[in-house]
């Protein structure tokens, strides 16, 4: 098993999550979401913005990437875009870029 760091793993997970969040939220063509409104933190544009930031690997540290990923996954579960079981499988698959069962 490839030992990948959490910046890479978070980027891979966010890349997998983006299409489902976009499709289920009705924001399929968003390229850059506005994250400036903190009251919209559970809204799809903010989650999509976070996905893009994780994919770009520009957060600077593994701990920050993990915090962002944890928040993103909690929000996606709260909104019903993913189940906890699906997110667990994504986390497990992120270690070696394999397909999610």
Protein backbone atom coordinates (compact mmCIF):
# COMPACT_ATOMS: atom_id res chain seq x y z
CA UNK A 1 0.00 0.00 0.00
CA UNK A 2 1.29 3.40 -0.99
CA UNK A 3 1.87 5.69 1.99
CA UNK A 4 0.49 8.99 0.75
CA UNK A 5 0.35 12.13 2.88
CA UNK A 6 -2.94 13.72 3.86
CA UNK A 7 -2.54 16.67 1.52
CA UNK A 8 -2.56 14.22 -1.40
CA UNK A 9 -5.25 12.04 0.14
CA UNK A 10 -7.49 15.04 0.89
CA UNK A 11 -7.04 16.29 -2.68
CA UNK A 12 -8.02 12.89 -4.09
CA UNK A 13 -11.08 12.62 -1.83
CA UNK A 14 -12.23 16.17 -2.66
CA UNK A 15 -11.82 15.42 -6.37
CA UNK A 16 -14.10 12.39 -5.94
CA UNK A 17 -16.65 14.36 -3.89
CA UNK A 18 -16.93 17.43 -6.14
CA UNK A 19 -19.06 15.90 -8.94
CA UNK A 20 -21.66 14.44 -6.57
CA UNK A 21 -21.99 17.61 -4.51
CA UNK A 22 -22.31 19.65 -7.71
CA UNK A 23 -24.89 17.33 -9.25
CA UNK A 24 -27.04 16.84 -6.16
CA UNK A 25 -26.97 20.49 -5.17
CA UNK A 26 -27.89 21.91 -8.55
CA UNK A 27 -24.54 23.66 -9.08
CA UNK A 28 -23.08 21.46 -11.84
CA UNK A 29 -21.16 24.15 -13.73
CA UNK A 30 -19.57 26.09 -10.90
CA UNK A 31 -15.89 26.72 -11.47
CA UNK A 32 -15.19 28.90 -8.46
CA UNK A 33 -17.51 29.31 -5.52
CA UNK A 34 -17.68 32.35 -3.26
CA UNK A 35 -16.51 31.45 0.24
CA UNK A 36 -16.66 34.96 1.63
CA UNK A 37 -20.06 34.57 3.34
CA UNK A 38 -19.58 32.59 6.59
CA UNK A 39 -23.34 32.19 6.98
CA UNK A 40 -23.38 30.13 3.79
CA UNK A 41 -20.88 27.59 5.10
CA UNK A 42 -23.23 24.62 4.69
CA UNK A 43 -24.30 25.67 1.22
CA UNK A 44 -23.05 23.88 -1.87
CA UNK A 45 -21.03 26.78 -3.34
CA UNK A 46 -18.94 26.94 -0.17
CA UNK A 47 -18.42 23.16 -0.16
CA UNK A 48 -17.43 23.23 -3.82
CA UNK A 49 -14.98 26.05 -3.10
CA UNK A 50 -13.44 23.90 -0.37
CA UNK A 51 -13.17 20.96 -2.78
CA UNK A 52 -11.32 23.16 -5.27
CA UNK A 53 -8.92 24.40 -2.59
CA UNK A 54 -8.18 20.85 -1.44
CA UNK A 55 -7.64 19.64 -5.02
CA UNK A 56 -5.24 22.54 -5.66
CA UNK A 57 -3.21 21.42 -2.60
CA UNK A 58 -2.70 25.03 -1.58
CA UNK A 59 -3.55 24.86 2.11
CA UNK A 60 0.05 24.53 3.23
CA UNK A 61 -0.10 21.76 5.79
CA UNK A 62 -1.47 18.29 6.38
CA UNK A 63 -3.26 19.42 9.54
CA UNK A 64 -5.10 22.18 7.70
CA UNK A 65 -6.00 19.81 4.85
CA UNK A 66 -7.36 17.33 7.41
CA UNK A 67 -9.43 20.02 9.15
CA UNK A 68 -10.90 21.17 5.84
CA UNK A 69 -11.58 17.61 4.73
CA UNK A 70 -13.26 16.77 8.03
CA UNK A 71 -15.48 19.82 7.80
CA UNK A 72 -16.28 19.13 4.14
CA UNK A 73 -17.22 15.53 4.87
CA UNK A 74 -19.36 16.52 7.88
CA UNK A 75 -21.19 19.11 5.79
CA UNK A 76 -21.70 16.65 2.90
CA UNK A 77 -23.14 14.08 5.31
CA UNK A 78 -25.34 16.68 7.01
CA UNK A 79 -26.76 17.77 3.65
CA UNK A 80 -27.36 14.15 2.60
CA UNK A 81 -24.91 14.16 -0.31
CA UNK A 82 -23.00 11.23 1.25
CA UNK A 83 -23.56 8.66 3.97
CA UNK A 84 -20.95 8.10 6.65
CA UNK A 85 -20.29 4.65 5.19
CA UNK A 86 -19.58 6.16 1.76
CA UNK A 87 -17.20 8.71 3.28
CA UNK A 88 -15.42 5.97 5.23
CA UNK A 89 -14.89 4.05 1.99
CA UNK A 90 -13.52 7.17 0.29
CA UNK A 91 -11.08 7.71 3.16
CA UNK A 92 -9.90 4.11 2.96
CA UNK A 93 -9.52 4.23 -0.83
CA UNK A 94 -7.56 7.49 -0.68
CA UNK A 95 -4.48 5.69 0.59
CA UNK A 96 -3.76 4.16 -2.77
CA UNK A 97 -6.08 5.83 -5.33
CA UNK A 98 -8.09 2.71 -5.87
CA UNK A 99 -11.69 2.61 -6.97
CA UNK A 100 -14.25 2.93 -4.22
CA UNK A 101 -16.20 -0.33 -3.83
